[in-house]
Amino acid sequence: MLSTCAITGHRPARFKWKYNENNNGCKRLKKRMRDQFALLYEKGVRQFWVDGALGVDMWAGEILLRLKEQPEYKDIELMVALPFEGHNAGWDERSKKRLEFLIR
């Protein structure tokens, strides 16, 4: 049986560090997310869904792709559920490229 995890969370504006991903609070959050994904993997979760939004969703996707690069996590499946075509039209170019990378 395939176990699946869906991830969604706050957008950057909801955190005190906003878009500053070099902030120690953001780094701690990302490390905790990575640790939780590794734990879920150990428990049999192989498929992870993110919704293609800025913030926690995008960070989760990027963390999962980095995990997938490691041989012990190679069978992670990352699924991206987009709300609608063009939902990212107002995003800056860097964020658009990050989403494109997740989708590829």
C-alpha atoms as a PDB file:
ATOM      1  CA  MET A   1       0.000   0.000   0.000  1.00  0.00           C
ATOM      2  CA  LEU A   2       1.338   3.427  -0.999  1.00  0.00           C
ATOM      3  CA  SER A   3       1.430   5.963   1.829  1.00  0.00           C
ATOM      4  CA  THR A   4       1.075   9.605   0.865  1.00  0.00           C
ATOM      5  CA  CYS A   5       1.689  12.912   2.637  1.00  0.00           C
ATOM      6  CA  ALA A   6       0.181  16.252   1.578  1.00  0.00           C
ATOM      7  CA  ILE A   7       1.984  19.394   2.694  1.00  0.00           C
ATOM      8  CA  THR A   8       0.592  22.888   2.928  1.00  0.00           C
ATOM      9  CA  GLY A   9       1.422  25.778   5.191  1.00  0.00           C
ATOM     10  CA  HIS A  10       1.930  29.470   5.656  1.00  0.00           C
ATOM     11  CA  ARG A  11       3.057  31.874   2.989  1.00  0.00           C
ATOM     12  CA  PRO A  12       6.269  33.837   3.710  1.00  0.00           C
ATOM     13  CA  ALA A  13       4.404  36.989   4.780  1.00  0.00           C
ATOM     14  CA  ARG A  14       2.954  35.072   7.765  1.00  0.00           C
ATOM     15  CA  PHE A  15       6.388  34.489   9.303  1.00  0.00           C
ATOM     16  CA  LYS A  16       8.322  37.149  11.186  1.00  0.00           C
ATOM     17  CA  TRP A  17      11.218  36.666   8.763  1.00  0.00           C
ATOM     18  CA  LYS A  18       8.954  37.223   5.708  1.00  0.00           C
ATOM     19  CA  TYR A  19      10.985  36.346   2.572  1.00  0.00           C
ATOM     20  CA  ASN A  20      14.396  36.196   4.301  1.00  0.00           C
ATOM     21  CA  GLU A  21      15.225  32.502   4.040  1.00  0.00           C
ATOM     22  CA  ASN A  22      18.662  33.140   5.577  1.00  0.00           C
ATOM     23  CA  ASN A  23      16.966  33.932   8.883  1.00  0.00           C
ATOM     24  CA  ASN A  24      17.811  31.412  11.612  1.00  0.00           C
ATOM     25  CA  GLY A  25      14.112  30.793  12.309  1.00  0.00           C
ATOM     26  CA  CYS A  26      13.530  29.890   8.665  1.00  0.00           C
ATOM     27  CA  LYS A  27      16.585  27.631   8.633  1.00  0.00           C
ATOM     28  CA  ARG A  28      15.339  25.853  11.791  1.00  0.00           C
ATOM     29  CA  LEU A  29      11.894  25.365  10.272  1.00  0.00           C
ATOM     30  CA  LYS A  30      13.364  23.887   7.090  1.00  0.00           C
ATOM     31  CA  LYS A  31      15.578  21.524   9.111  1.00  0.00           C
ATOM     32  CA  ARG A  32      12.567  20.338  11.113  1.00  0.00           C
ATOM     33  CA  MET A  33      10.640  19.811   7.893  1.00  0.00           C
ATOM     34  CA  ARG A  34      13.515  17.775   6.458  1.00  0.00           C
ATOM     35  CA  ASP A  35      13.706  15.682   9.633  1.00  0.00           C
ATOM     36  CA  GLN A  36       9.953  15.024   9.513  1.00  0.00           C
ATOM     37  CA  PHE A  37      10.080  14.011   5.854  1.00  0.00           C
ATOM     38  CA  ALA A  38      12.916  11.575   6.635  1.00  0.00           C
ATOM     39  CA  LEU A  39      10.870  10.149   9.513  1.00  0.00           C
ATOM     40  CA  LEU A  40       7.802   9.779   7.295  1.00  0.00           C
ATOM     41  CA  TYR A  41       9.951   8.058   4.682  1.00  0.00           C
ATOM     42  CA  GLU A  42      11.190   5.609   7.324  1.00  0.00           C
ATOM     43  CA  LYS A  43       7.535   4.884   8.125  1.00  0.00           C
ATOM     44  CA  GLY A  44       6.801   4.020   4.489  1.00  0.00           C
ATOM     45  CA  VAL A  45       5.654   7.304   2.953  1.00  0.00           C
ATOM     46  CA  ARG A  46       6.998   7.594  -0.586  1.00  0.00           C
ATOM     47  CA  GLN A  47       4.614  10.050  -2.269  1.00  0.00           C
ATOM     48  CA  PHE A  48       4.501  13.692  -1.183  1.00  0.00           C
ATOM     49  CA  TRP A  49       2.122  16.358  -2.502  1.00  0.00           C
ATOM     50  CA  VAL A  50       2.739  20.115  -2.392  1.00  0.00           C
ATOM     51  CA  ASP A  51       0.460  22.767  -3.832  1.00  0.00           C
ATOM     52  CA  GLY A  52       2.904  25.034  -5.654  1.00  0.00           C
ATOM     53  CA  ALA A  53       2.455  28.086  -3.419  1.00  0.00           C
ATOM     54  CA  LEU A  54       5.132  30.327  -1.967  1.00  0.00           C
ATOM     55  CA  GLY A  55       6.447  29.549   1.490  1.00  0.00           C
ATOM     56  CA  VAL A  56       6.104  26.207   3.251  1.00  0.00           C
ATOM     57  CA  ASP A  57       4.764  24.469   0.154  1.00  0.00           C
ATOM     58  CA  MET A  58       7.693  25.468  -2.043  1.00  0.00           C
ATOM     59  CA  TRP A  59      10.247  24.879   0.708  1.00  0.00           C
ATOM     60  CA  ALA A  60       8.831  21.384   1.245  1.00  0.00           C
ATOM     61  CA  GLY A  61       9.129  20.587  -2.447  1.00  0.00           C
ATOM     62  CA  GLU A  62      12.722  21.782  -2.589  1.00  0.00           C
ATOM     63  CA  ILE A  63      13.660  19.845   0.554  1.00  0.00           C
ATOM     64  CA  LEU A  64      12.066  16.686  -0.840  1.00  0.00           C
ATOM     65  CA  LEU A  65      13.934  17.043  -4.139  1.00  0.00           C
ATOM     66  CA  ARG A  66      17.219  17.371  -2.207  1.00  0.00           C
ATOM     67  CA  LEU A  67      16.360  14.244  -0.229  1.00  0.00           C
ATOM     68  CA  LYS A  68      15.520  12.413  -3.460  1.00  0.00           C
ATOM     69  CA  GLU A  69      19.057  13.129  -4.736  1.00  0.00           C
ATOM     70  CA  GLN A  70      20.399  10.886  -1.957  1.00  0.00           C
ATOM     71  CA  PRO A  71      20.478   7.168  -2.814  1.00  0.00           C
ATOM     72  CA  GLU A  72      18.604   6.137   0.343  1.00  0.00           C
ATOM     73  CA  TYR A  73      15.626   8.353  -0.644  1.00  0.00           C
ATOM     74  CA  LYS A  74      15.693   7.803  -4.416  1.00  0.00           C
ATOM     75  CA  ASP A  75      12.130   6.492  -4.626  1.00  0.00           C
ATOM     76  CA  ILE A  76      10.483   9.633  -3.241  1.00  0.00           C
ATOM     77  CA  GLU A  77       7.739  10.862  -5.579  1.00  0.00           C
ATOM     78  CA  LEU A  78       7.028  14.591  -5.530  1.00  0.00           C
ATOM     79  CA  MET A  79       3.635  15.643  -6.845  1.00  0.00           C
ATOM     80  CA  VAL A  80       2.780  19.322  -7.415  1.00  0.00           C
ATOM     81  CA  ALA A  81      -0.906  20.288  -7.414  1.00  0.00           C
ATOM     82  CA  LEU A  82      -1.348  23.705  -9.007  1.00  0.00           C
ATOM     83  CA  PRO A  83      -4.512  25.647  -8.128  1.00  0.00           C
ATOM     84  CA  PHE A  84      -4.981  27.014 -11.658  1.00  0.00           C
ATOM     85  CA  GLU A  85      -2.883  27.971 -14.665  1.00  0.00           C
ATOM     86  CA  GLY A  86      -1.224  31.330 -14.147  1.00  0.00           C
ATOM     87  CA  HIS A  87      -1.679  31.397 -10.370  1.00  0.00           C
ATOM     88  CA  ASN A  88       1.909  32.628 -10.120  1.00  0.00           C
ATOM     89  CA  ALA A  89       1.508  35.538 -12.576  1.00  0.00           C
ATOM     90  CA  GLY A  90       2.252  38.157  -9.909  1.00  0.00           C
ATOM     91  CA  TRP A  91       5.332  36.401  -8.539  1.00  0.00           C
ATOM     92  CA  ASP A  92       8.893  37.662  -8.927  1.00  0.00           C
ATOM     93  CA  GLU A  93      11.067  35.859 -11.504  1.00  0.00           C
ATOM     94  CA  ARG A  94      13.106  33.959  -8.897  1.00  0.00           C
ATOM     95  CA  SER A  95       9.979  32.446  -7.352  1.00  0.00           C
ATOM     96  CA  LYS A  96       8.601  31.536 -10.776  1.00  0.00           C
ATOM     97  CA  LYS A  97      11.855  29.721 -11.602  1.00  0.00           C
ATOM     98  CA  ARG A  98      11.716  27.841  -8.289  1.00  0.00           C
ATOM     99  CA  LEU A  99       8.204  26.637  -9.096  1.00  0.00           C
ATOM    100  CA  GLU A 100       9.262  25.615 -12.621  1.00  0.00           C
ATOM    101  CA  PHE A 101      12.090  23.587 -11.079  1.00  0.00           C
ATOM    102  CA  LEU A 102       9.654  21.773  -8.759  1.00  0.00           C
ATOM    103  CA  ILE A 103       7.342  20.954 -11.639  1.00  0.00           C
ATOM    104  CA  ARG A 104      10.164  19.584 -13.814  1.00  0.00           C
END
